[in-house]
Amino acid sequence: MKKLMNRVLAFSFLMVSGLALTSMTTNDGEGGRIKVYIVNDCSSDVKYKVESPGSSTHYTADDGTKSPKSFMEGTKIYNSDGKMVHEVTSSSEGDEVVVCE
């Protein structure tokens, strides 16, 4: 019984330690994502495409807006005409990406 309690305590300690280490590495709240600003300078809502490794999604940018979005490194952003306008890199933090002019 004493061995079982020691094992349970050791396992619990390892789990708590692992969770503490994990939470320290993702303290930005975004899990390594990079924030860019999607800008729509047109007078109407437009659709733009975001392509990350393994998936592709369309989003709508409201007319005349500048909205923050977070993406993984390597994500490609296409404007309303289907032209690639930005590839997210580690130095893209805070960049403005125009999806319609």
PDB file of N, CA and C in Angstrom:
ATOM      1  N   MET A   1       0.817  -1.193   0.000  1.00  0.00           N
ATOM      2  CA  MET A   1       0.000   0.000   0.000  1.00  0.00           C
ATOM      3  C   MET A   1       0.864   1.261   0.000  1.00  0.00           C
ATOM      4  N   LYS A   2       1.974   1.198   0.758  1.00  0.00           N
ATOM      5  CA  LYS A   2       2.865   2.347   0.836  1.00  0.00           C
ATOM      6  C   LYS A   2       3.526   2.606  -0.518  1.00  0.00           C
ATOM      7  N   LYS A   3       3.888   1.523  -1.244  1.00  0.00           N
ATOM      8  CA  LYS A   3       4.492   1.674  -2.568  1.00  0.00           C
ATOM      9  C   LYS A   3       3.500   2.314  -3.538  1.00  0.00           C
ATOM     10  N   LEU A   4       2.252   1.902  -3.449  1.00  0.00           N
ATOM     11  CA  LEU A   4       1.223   2.460  -4.327  1.00  0.00           C
ATOM     12  C   LEU A   4       1.060   3.962  -4.084  1.00  0.00           C
ATOM     13  N   MET A   5       1.031   4.379  -2.831  1.00  0.00           N
ATOM     14  CA  MET A   5       0.902   5.801  -2.511  1.00  0.00           C
ATOM     15  C   MET A   5       2.102   6.592  -3.013  1.00  0.00           C
ATOM     16  N   ASN A   6       3.302   6.021  -2.871  1.00  0.00           N
ATOM     17  CA  ASN A   6       4.502   6.693  -3.366  1.00  0.00           C
ATOM     18  C   ASN A   6       4.441   6.856  -4.883  1.00  0.00           C
ATOM     19  N   ARG A   7       3.964   5.843  -5.585  1.00  0.00           N
ATOM     20  CA  ARG A   7       3.854   5.918  -7.043  1.00  0.00           C
ATOM     21  C   ARG A   7       2.813   6.959  -7.459  1.00  0.00           C
ATOM     22  N   VAL A   8       1.703   6.977  -6.761  1.00  0.00           N
ATOM     23  CA  VAL A   8       0.659   7.960  -7.067  1.00  0.00           C
ATOM     24  C   VAL A   8       1.185   9.374  -6.833  1.00  0.00           C
ATOM     25  N   LEU A   9       1.879   9.589  -5.731  1.00  0.00           N
ATOM     26  CA  LEU A   9       2.444  10.907  -5.447  1.00  0.00           C
ATOM     27  C   LEU A   9       3.501  11.293  -6.478  1.00  0.00           C
ATOM     28  N   ALA A  10       4.351  10.353  -6.863  1.00  0.00           N
ATOM     29  CA  ALA A  10       5.380  10.628  -7.869  1.00  0.00           C
ATOM     30  C   ALA A  10       4.737  10.970  -9.212  1.00  0.00           C
ATOM     31  N   PHE A  11       3.719  10.212  -9.603  1.00  0.00           N
ATOM     32  CA  PHE A  11       3.022  10.480 -10.859  1.00  0.00           C
ATOM     33  C   PHE A  11       2.357  11.860 -10.820  1.00  0.00           C
ATOM     34  N   SER A  12       1.722  12.179  -9.709  1.00  0.00           N
ATOM     35  CA  SER A  12       1.070  13.488  -9.569  1.00  0.00           C
ATOM     36  C   SER A  12       2.088  14.618  -9.661  1.00  0.00           C
ATOM     37  N   PHE A  13       3.229  14.447  -9.022  1.00  0.00           N
ATOM     38  CA  PHE A  13       4.283  15.458  -9.065  1.00  0.00           C
ATOM     39  C   PHE A  13       4.768  15.664 -10.495  1.00  0.00           C
ATOM     40  N   LEU A  14       4.974  14.572 -11.228  1.00  0.00           N
ATOM     41  CA  LEU A  14       5.420  14.682 -12.615  1.00  0.00           C
ATOM     42  C   LEU A  14       4.383  15.388 -13.486  1.00  0.00           C
ATOM     43  N   MET A  15       3.122  15.078 -13.289  1.00  0.00           N
ATOM     44  CA  MET A  15       2.068  15.717 -14.079  1.00  0.00           C
ATOM     45  C   MET A  15       1.997  17.217 -13.796  1.00  0.00           C
ATOM     46  N   VAL A  16       2.040  17.590 -12.532  1.00  0.00           N
ATOM     47  CA  VAL A  16       1.979  19.007 -12.169  1.00  0.00           C
ATOM     48  C   VAL A  16       3.208  19.737 -12.703  1.00  0.00           C
ATOM     49  N   SER A  17       4.375  19.131 -12.600  1.00  0.00           N
ATOM     50  CA  SER A  17       5.598  19.745 -13.122  1.00  0.00           C
ATOM     51  C   SER A  17       5.518  19.925 -14.631  1.00  0.00           C
ATOM     52  N   GLY A  18       5.035  18.913 -15.324  1.00  0.00           N
ATOM     53  CA  GLY A  18       4.894  18.998 -16.780  1.00  0.00           C
ATOM     54  C   GLY A  18       3.931  20.089 -17.201  1.00  0.00           C
ATOM     55  N   LEU A  19       2.807  20.195 -16.521  1.00  0.00           N
ATOM     56  CA  LEU A  19       1.840  21.250 -16.835  1.00  0.00           C
ATOM     57  C   LEU A  19       2.411  22.636 -16.559  1.00  0.00           C
ATOM     58  N   ALA A  20       3.182  22.764 -15.492  1.00  0.00           N
ATOM     59  CA  ALA A  20       3.789  24.057 -15.169  1.00  0.00           C
ATOM     60  C   ALA A  20       4.783  24.464 -16.250  1.00  0.00           C
ATOM     61  N   LEU A  21       5.594  23.522 -16.713  1.00  0.00           N
ATOM     62  CA  LEU A  21       6.554  23.824 -17.780  1.00  0.00           C
ATOM     63  C   LEU A  21       5.846  24.185 -19.071  1.00  0.00           C
ATOM     64  N   THR A  22       4.788  23.490 -19.400  1.00  0.00           N
ATOM     65  CA  THR A  22       4.035  23.774 -20.618  1.00  0.00           C
ATOM     66  C   THR A  22       3.420  25.159 -20.566  1.00  0.00           C
ATOM     67  N   SER A  23       2.872  25.539 -19.443  1.00  0.00           N
ATOM     68  CA  SER A  23       2.234  26.850 -19.339  1.00  0.00           C
ATOM     69  C   SER A  23       3.259  27.972 -19.436  1.00  0.00           C
ATOM     70  N   MET A  24       4.488  27.738 -19.027  1.00  0.00           N
ATOM     71  CA  MET A  24       5.517  28.770 -19.134  1.00  0.00           C
ATOM     72  C   MET A  24       5.947  28.988 -20.577  1.00  0.00           C
ATOM     73  N   THR A  25       5.904  27.964 -21.402  1.00  0.00           N
ATOM     74  CA  THR A  25       6.351  28.116 -22.784  1.00  0.00           C
ATOM     75  C   THR A  25       5.305  28.764 -23.665  1.00  0.00           C
ATOM     76  N   THR A  26       4.054  28.815 -23.240  1.00  0.00           N
ATOM     77  CA  THR A  26       2.998  29.440 -24.047  1.00  0.00           C
ATOM     78  C   THR A  26       2.355  30.592 -23.286  1.00  0.00           C
ATOM     79  N   ASN A  27       3.178  31.435 -22.694  1.00  0.00           N
ATOM     80  CA  ASN A  27       2.637  32.512 -21.888  1.00  0.00           C
ATOM     81  C   ASN A  27       2.059  33.656 -22.704  1.00  0.00           C
ATOM     82  N   ASP A  28       2.199  33.633 -24.034  1.00  0.00           N
ATOM     83  CA  ASP A  28       1.632  34.697 -24.854  1.00  0.00           C
ATOM     84  C   ASP A  28       0.146  34.506 -25.093  1.00  0.00           C
ATOM     85  N   GLY A  29      -0.392  33.358 -24.754  1.00  0.00           N
ATOM     86  CA  GLY A  29      -1.806  33.114 -24.929  1.00  0.00           C
ATOM     87  C   GLY A  29      -2.194  32.725 -26.341  1.00  0.00           C
ATOM     88  N   GLU A  30      -1.246  32.740 -27.247  1.00  0.00           N
ATOM     89  CA  GLU A  30      -1.550  32.439 -28.640  1.00  0.00           C
ATOM     90  C   GLU A  30      -0.868  31.164 -29.112  1.00  0.00           C
ATOM     91  N   GLY A  31      -0.030  30.566 -28.292  1.00  0.00           N
ATOM     92  CA  GLY A  31       0.610  29.315 -28.678  1.00  0.00           C
ATOM     93  C   GLY A  31       1.554  29.456 -29.855  1.00  0.00           C
ATOM     94  N   GLY A  32       2.363  30.524 -29.895  1.00  0.00           N
ATOM     95  CA  GLY A  32       3.336  30.695 -30.959  1.00  0.00           C
ATOM     96  C   GLY A  32       2.769  31.309 -32.222  1.00  0.00           C
ATOM     97  N   ARG A  33       1.603  31.868 -32.153  1.00  0.00           N
ATOM     98  CA  ARG A  33       0.985  32.476 -33.327  1.00  0.00           C
ATOM     99  C   ARG A  33       1.464  33.921 -33.478  1.00  0.00           C
ATOM    100  N   ILE A  34       1.375  34.417 -34.709  1.00  0.00           N
ATOM    101  CA  ILE A  34       1.880  35.741 -35.049  1.00  0.00           C
ATOM    102  C   ILE A  34       0.696  36.632 -35.423  1.00  0.00           C
ATOM    103  N   LYS A  35       0.611  37.799 -34.791  1.00  0.00           N
ATOM    104  CA  LYS A  35      -0.518  38.702 -35.031  1.00  0.00           C
ATOM    105  C   LYS A  35      -0.204  39.644 -36.187  1.00  0.00           C
ATOM    106  N   VAL A  36      -1.101  39.669 -37.172  1.00  0.00           N
ATOM    107  CA  VAL A  36      -1.048  40.644 -38.260  1.00  0.00           C
ATOM    108  C   VAL A  36      -2.408  41.338 -38.318  1.00  0.00           C
ATOM    109  N   TYR A  37      -2.452  42.463 -38.992  1.00  0.00           N
ATOM    110  CA  TYR A  37      -3.696  43.223 -39.114  1.00  0.00           C
ATOM    111  C   TYR A  37      -4.220  43.106 -40.538  1.00  0.00           C
ATOM    112  N   ILE A  38      -5.441  42.618 -40.686  1.00  0.00           N
ATOM    113  CA  ILE A  38      -6.089  42.497 -41.990  1.00  0.00           C
ATOM    114  C   ILE A  38      -6.791  43.825 -42.274  1.00  0.00           C
ATOM    115  N   VAL A  39      -6.423  44.452 -43.403  1.00  0.00           N
ATOM    116  CA  VAL A  39      -6.951  45.769 -43.750  1.00  0.00           C
ATOM    117  C   VAL A  39      -7.811  45.665 -45.005  1.00  0.00           C
ATOM    118  N   ASN A  40      -9.016  46.208 -44.933  1.00  0.00           N
ATOM    119  CA  ASN A  40      -9.914  46.278 -46.085  1.00  0.00           C
ATOM    120  C   ASN A  40     -10.182  47.750 -46.370  1.00  0.00           C
ATOM    121  N   ASP A  41      -9.536  48.279 -47.418  1.00  0.00           N
ATOM    122  CA  ASP A  41      -9.709  49.680 -47.784  1.00  0.00           C
ATOM    123  C   ASP A  41     -10.863  49.892 -48.756  1.00  0.00           C
ATOM    124  N   CYS A  42     -11.573  48.838 -49.107  1.00  0.00           N
ATOM    125  CA  CYS A  42     -12.705  48.958 -50.034  1.00  0.00           C
ATOM    126  C   CYS A  42     -13.959  49.420 -49.289  1.00  0.00           C
ATOM    127  N   SER A  43     -14.953  49.842 -50.061  1.00  0.00           N
ATOM    128  CA  SER A  43     -16.198  50.326 -49.456  1.00  0.00           C
ATOM    129  C   SER A  43     -17.247  49.223 -49.339  1.00  0.00           C
ATOM    130  N   SER A  44     -16.815  47.976 -49.508  1.00  0.00           N
ATOM    131  CA  SER A  44     -17.734  46.847 -49.330  1.00  0.00           C
ATOM    132  C   SER A  44     -16.985  45.696 -48.663  1.00  0.00           C
ATOM    133  N   ASP A  45     -17.743  44.775 -48.080  1.00  0.00           N
ATOM    134  CA  ASP A  45     -17.129  43.592 -47.476  1.00  0.00           C
ATOM    135  C   ASP A  45     -16.499  42.740 -48.572  1.00  0.00           C
ATOM    136  N   VAL A  46     -15.338  42.130 -48.269  1.00  0.00           N
ATOM    137  CA  VAL A  46     -14.675  41.264 -49.247  1.00  0.00           C
ATOM    138  C   VAL A  46     -14.258  39.959 -48.584  1.00  0.00           C
ATOM    139  N   LYS A  47     -14.178  38.924 -49.399  1.00  0.00           N
ATOM    140  CA  LYS A  47     -13.673  37.640 -48.925  1.00  0.00           C
ATOM    141  C   LYS A  47     -12.188  37.561 -49.257  1.00  0.00           C
ATOM    142  N   TYR A  48     -11.419  37.004 -48.324  1.00  0.00           N
ATOM    143  CA  TYR A  48     -10.009  36.738 -48.573  1.00  0.00           C
ATOM    144  C   TYR A  48      -9.716  35.323 -48.110  1.00  0.00           C
ATOM    145  N   LYS A  49      -8.634  34.753 -48.640  1.00  0.00           N
ATOM    146  CA  LYS A  49      -8.311  33.357 -48.360  1.00  0.00           C
ATOM    147  C   LYS A  49      -7.062  33.273 -47.502  1.00  0.00           C
ATOM    148  N   VAL A  50      -7.096  32.367 -46.537  1.00  0.00           N
ATOM    149  CA  VAL A  50      -5.948  32.081 -45.684  1.00  0.00           C
ATOM    150  C   VAL A  50      -5.601  30.618 -45.875  1.00  0.00           C
ATOM    151  N   GLU A  51      -4.349  30.367 -46.260  1.00  0.00           N
ATOM    152  CA  GLU A  51      -3.906  29.001 -46.544  1.00  0.00           C
ATOM    153  C   GLU A  51      -2.741  28.656 -45.627  1.00  0.00           C
ATOM    154  N   SER A  52      -2.975  27.709 -44.730  1.00  0.00           N
ATOM    155  CA  SER A  52      -1.904  27.231 -43.861  1.00  0.00           C
ATOM    156  C   SER A  52      -1.608  25.793 -44.249  1.00  0.00           C
ATOM    157  N   PRO A  53      -0.455  25.275 -43.851  1.00  0.00           N
ATOM    158  CA  PRO A  53      -0.121  23.903 -44.242  1.00  0.00           C
ATOM    159  C   PRO A  53      -1.238  22.924 -43.884  1.00  0.00           C
ATOM    160  N   GLY A  54      -1.831  22.328 -44.904  1.00  0.00           N
ATOM    161  CA  GLY A  54      -2.864  21.324 -44.687  1.00  0.00           C
ATOM    162  C   GLY A  54      -4.292  21.823 -44.735  1.00  0.00           C
ATOM    163  N   SER A  55      -4.499  23.143 -44.801  1.00  0.00           N
ATOM    164  CA  SER A  55      -5.882  23.628 -44.846  1.00  0.00           C
ATOM    165  C   SER A  55      -5.964  24.985 -45.532  1.00  0.00           C
ATOM    166  N   SER A  56      -7.171  25.313 -45.951  1.00  0.00           N
ATOM    167  CA  SER A  56      -7.442  26.593 -46.598  1.00  0.00           C
ATOM    168  C   SER A  56      -8.826  27.057 -46.160  1.00  0.00           C
ATOM    169  N   THR A  57      -8.936  28.336 -45.791  1.00  0.00           N
ATOM    170  CA  THR A  57     -10.197  28.870 -45.295  1.00  0.00           C
ATOM    171  C   THR A  57     -10.435  30.258 -45.871  1.00  0.00           C
ATOM    172  N   HIS A  58     -11.696  30.569 -46.140  1.00  0.00           N
ATOM    173  CA  HIS A  58     -12.073  31.907 -46.582  1.00  0.00           C
ATOM    174  C   HIS A  58     -12.672  32.676 -45.406  1.00  0.00           C
ATOM    175  N   TYR A  59     -12.310  33.950 -45.315  1.00  0.00           N
ATOM    176  CA  TYR A  59     -12.839  34.835 -44.287  1.00  0.00           C
ATOM    177  C   TYR A  59     -13.428  36.064 -44.964  1.00  0.00           C
ATOM    178  N   THR A  60     -14.211  36.824 -44.233  1.00  0.00           N
ATOM    179  CA  THR A  60     -14.762  38.075 -44.742  1.00  0.00           C
ATOM    180  C   THR A  60     -14.179  39.234 -43.951  1.00  0.00           C
ATOM    181  N   ALA A  61     -13.666  40.223 -44.684  1.00  0.00           N
ATOM    182  CA  ALA A  61     -13.187  41.455 -44.059  1.00  0.00           C
ATOM    183  C   ALA A  61     -14.256  42.520 -44.275  1.00  0.00           C
ATOM    184  N   ASP A  62     -14.730  43.109 -43.202  1.00  0.00           N
ATOM    185  CA  ASP A  62     -15.753  44.148 -43.299  1.00  0.00           C
ATOM    186  C   ASP A  62     -15.174  45.398 -43.949  1.00  0.00           C
ATOM    187  N   ASP A  63     -16.035  46.155 -44.621  1.00  0.00           N
ATOM    188  CA  ASP A  63     -15.577  47.340 -45.353  1.00  0.00           C
ATOM    189  C   ASP A  63     -14.944  48.371 -44.426  1.00  0.00           C
ATOM    190  N   GLY A  64     -13.799  48.891 -44.880  1.00  0.00           N
ATOM    191  CA  GLY A  64     -13.101  49.946 -44.160  1.00  0.00           C
ATOM    192  C   GLY A  64     -12.547  49.569 -42.809  1.00  0.00           C
ATOM    193  N   THR A  65     -12.233  48.295 -42.587  1.00  0.00           N
ATOM    194  CA  THR A  65     -11.765  47.870 -41.263  1.00  0.00           C
ATOM    195  C   THR A  65     -10.295  47.477 -41.265  1.00  0.00           C
ATOM    196  N   LYS A  66      -9.748  47.458 -40.069  1.00  0.00           N
ATOM    197  CA  LYS A  66      -8.393  46.960 -39.806  1.00  0.00           C
ATOM    198  C   LYS A  66      -8.532  46.080 -38.571  1.00  0.00           C
ATOM    199  N   SER A  67      -8.464  44.758 -38.758  1.00  0.00           N
ATOM    200  CA  SER A  67      -8.723  43.859 -37.633  1.00  0.00           C
ATOM    201  C   SER A  67      -7.536  42.935 -37.382  1.00  0.00           C
ATOM    202  N   PRO A  68      -7.195  42.715 -36.099  1.00  0.00           N
ATOM    203  CA  PRO A  68      -6.084  41.828 -35.761  1.00  0.00           C
ATOM    204  C   PRO A  68      -6.477  40.361 -35.915  1.00  0.00           C
ATOM    205  N   LYS A  69      -5.584  39.583 -36.485  1.00  0.00           N
ATOM    206  CA  LYS A  69      -5.763  38.134 -36.620  1.00  0.00           C
ATOM    207  C   LYS A  69      -4.430  37.476 -36.274  1.00  0.00           C
ATOM    208  N   SER A  70      -4.492  36.276 -35.721  1.00  0.00           N
ATOM    209  CA  SER A  70      -3.282  35.530 -35.376  1.00  0.00           C
ATOM    210  C   SER A  70      -3.158  34.303 -36.262  1.00  0.00           C
ATOM    211  N   PHE A  71      -1.956  34.107 -36.812  1.00  0.00           N
ATOM    212  CA  PHE A  71      -1.700  32.994 -37.722  1.00  0.00           C
ATOM    213  C   PHE A  71      -0.401  32.300 -37.350  1.00  0.00           C
ATOM    214  N   MET A  72      -0.283  31.056 -37.785  1.00  0.00           N
ATOM    215  CA  MET A  72       0.956  30.303 -37.622  1.00  0.00           C
ATOM    216  C   MET A  72       1.949  30.755 -38.685  1.00  0.00           C
ATOM    217  N   GLU A  73       3.225  30.611 -38.394  1.00  0.00           N
ATOM    218  CA  GLU A  73       4.263  30.933 -39.374  1.00  0.00           C
ATOM    219  C   GLU A  73       4.089  30.040 -40.603  1.00  0.00           C
ATOM    220  N   GLY A  74       4.272  30.609 -41.783  1.00  0.00           N
ATOM    221  CA  GLY A  74       4.115  29.867 -43.026  1.00  0.00           C
ATOM    222  C   GLY A  74       2.748  30.005 -43.657  1.00  0.00           C
ATOM    223  N   THR A  75       1.810  30.646 -42.958  1.00  0.00           N
ATOM    224  CA  THR A  75       0.468  30.857 -43.496  1.00  0.00           C
ATOM    225  C   THR A  75       0.525  31.875 -44.626  1.00  0.00           C
ATOM    226  N   LYS A  76      -0.217  31.601 -45.702  1.00  0.00           N
ATOM    227  CA  LYS A  76      -0.270  32.515 -46.844  1.00  0.00           C
ATOM    228  C   LYS A  76      -1.632  33.194 -46.861  1.00  0.00           C
ATOM    229  N   ILE A  77      -1.625  34.501 -47.133  1.00  0.00           N
ATOM    230  CA  ILE A  77      -2.861  35.278 -47.179  1.00  0.00           C
ATOM    231  C   ILE A  77      -3.049  35.795 -48.601  1.00  0.00           C
ATOM    232  N   TYR A  78      -4.241  35.530 -49.155  1.00  0.00           N
ATOM    233  CA  TYR A  78      -4.571  35.937 -50.520  1.00  0.00           C
ATOM    234  C   TYR A  78      -5.626  37.030 -50.469  1.00  0.00           C
ATOM    235  N   ASN A  79      -5.502  38.031 -51.359  1.00  0.00           N
ATOM    236  CA  ASN A  79      -6.467  39.133 -51.371  1.00  0.00           C
ATOM    237  C   ASN A  79      -7.767  38.721 -52.048  1.00  0.00           C
ATOM    238  N   SER A  80      -8.664  39.673 -52.196  1.00  0.00           N
ATOM    239  CA  SER A  80      -9.984  39.383 -52.764  1.00  0.00           C
ATOM    240  C   SER A  80      -9.911  38.961 -54.229  1.00  0.00           C
ATOM    241  N   ASP A  81      -8.801  39.273 -54.916  1.00  0.00           N
ATOM    242  CA  ASP A  81      -8.616  38.873 -56.313  1.00  0.00           C
ATOM    243  C   ASP A  81      -7.925  37.519 -56.444  1.00  0.00           C
ATOM    244  N   GLY A  82      -7.556  36.902 -55.331  1.00  0.00           N
ATOM    245  CA  GLY A  82      -6.892  35.607 -55.354  1.00  0.00           C
ATOM    246  C   GLY A  82      -5.381  35.679 -55.448  1.00  0.00           C
ATOM    247  N   LYS A  83      -4.817  36.879 -55.369  1.00  0.00           N
ATOM    248  CA  LYS A  83      -3.364  37.065 -55.446  1.00  0.00           C
ATOM    249  C   LYS A  83      -2.764  36.972 -54.040  1.00  0.00           C
ATOM    250  N   MET A  84      -1.660  36.204 -53.899  1.00  0.00           N
ATOM    251  CA  MET A  84      -1.020  36.110 -52.591  1.00  0.00           C
ATOM    252  C   MET A  84      -0.397  37.464 -52.245  1.00  0.00           C
ATOM    253  N   VAL A  85      -0.778  38.002 -51.095  1.00  0.00           N
ATOM    254  CA  VAL A  85      -0.282  39.315 -50.694  1.00  0.00           C
ATOM    255  C   VAL A  85       0.654  39.257 -49.493  1.00  0.00           C
ATOM    256  N   HIS A  86       0.690  38.120 -48.790  1.00  0.00           N
ATOM    257  CA  HIS A  86       1.563  38.043 -47.616  1.00  0.00           C
ATOM    258  C   HIS A  86       1.783  36.592 -47.206  1.00  0.00           C
ATOM    259  N   GLU A  87       3.011  36.281 -46.817  1.00  0.00           N
ATOM    260  CA  GLU A  87       3.312  35.000 -46.175  1.00  0.00           C
ATOM    261  C   GLU A  87       3.809  35.317 -44.776  1.00  0.00           C
ATOM    262  N   VAL A  88       3.172  34.754 -43.778  1.00  0.00           N
ATOM    263  CA  VAL A  88       3.469  35.064 -42.382  1.00  0.00           C
ATOM    264  C   VAL A  88       4.807  34.447 -41.988  1.00  0.00           C
ATOM    265  N   THR A  89       5.697  35.303 -41.463  1.00  0.00           N
ATOM    266  CA  THR A  89       6.989  34.864 -40.941  1.00  0.00           C
ATOM    267  C   THR A  89       7.119  35.378 -39.512  1.00  0.00           C
ATOM    268  N   SER A  90       8.193  35.002 -38.854  1.00  0.00           N
ATOM    269  CA  SER A  90       8.380  35.446 -37.471  1.00  0.00           C
ATOM    270  C   SER A  90       8.527  36.962 -37.388  1.00  0.00           C
ATOM    271  N   SER A  91       8.953  37.603 -38.470  1.00  0.00           N
ATOM    272  CA  SER A  91       9.100  39.062 -38.459  1.00  0.00           C
ATOM    273  C   SER A  91       7.829  39.788 -38.901  1.00  0.00           C
ATOM    274  N   SER A  92       6.732  39.062 -39.113  1.00  0.00           N
ATOM    275  CA  SER A  92       5.470  39.669 -39.558  1.00  0.00           C
ATOM    276  C   SER A  92       4.656  40.279 -38.427  1.00  0.00           C
ATOM    277  N   GLU A  93       5.071  40.104 -37.194  1.00  0.00           N
ATOM    278  CA  GLU A  93       4.306  40.587 -36.046  1.00  0.00           C
ATOM    279  C   GLU A  93       3.955  42.064 -36.218  1.00  0.00           C
ATOM    280  N   GLY A  94       2.651  42.374 -36.210  1.00  0.00           N
ATOM    281  CA  GLY A  94       2.189  43.749 -36.316  1.00  0.00           C
ATOM    282  C   GLY A  94       2.043  44.281 -37.734  1.00  0.00           C
ATOM    283  N   ASP A  95       2.395  43.484 -38.748  1.00  0.00           N
ATOM    284  CA  ASP A  95       2.271  43.933 -40.140  1.00  0.00           C
ATOM    285  C   ASP A  95       0.813  44.152 -40.515  1.00  0.00           C
ATOM    286  N   GLU A  96       0.597  45.081 -41.455  1.00  0.00           N
ATOM    287  CA  GLU A  96      -0.734  45.312 -42.006  1.00  0.00           C
ATOM    288  C   GLU A  96      -0.804  44.648 -43.370  1.00  0.00           C
ATOM    289  N   VAL A  97      -1.808  43.795 -43.570  1.00  0.00           N
ATOM    290  CA  VAL A  97      -1.995  43.072 -44.827  1.00  0.00           C
ATOM    291  C   VAL A  97      -3.273  43.592 -45.477  1.00  0.00           C
ATOM    292  N   VAL A  98      -3.127  44.244 -46.629  1.00  0.00           N
ATOM    293  CA  VAL A  98      -4.273  44.824 -47.330  1.00  0.00           C
ATOM    294  C   VAL A  98      -4.883  43.761 -48.233  1.00  0.00           C
ATOM    295  N   VAL A  99      -6.149  43.431 -47.992  1.00  0.00           N
ATOM    296  CA  VAL A  99      -6.831  42.405 -48.791  1.00  0.00           C
ATOM    297  C   VAL A  99      -7.729  43.008 -49.862  1.00  0.00           C
ATOM    298  N   CYS A 100      -7.940  44.317 -49.816  1.00  0.00           N
ATOM    299  CA  CYS A 100      -8.708  45.003 -50.866  1.00  0.00           C
ATOM    300  C   CYS A 100      -8.370  46.485 -50.819  1.00  0.00           C
ATOM    301  N   GLU A 101      -8.036  47.053 -52.002  1.00  0.00           N
ATOM    302  CA  GLU A 101      -7.699  48.489 -52.076  1.00  0.00           C
ATOM    303  C   GLU A 101      -8.733  49.232 -52.878  1.00  0.00           C
TER     304      GLU A 101
END
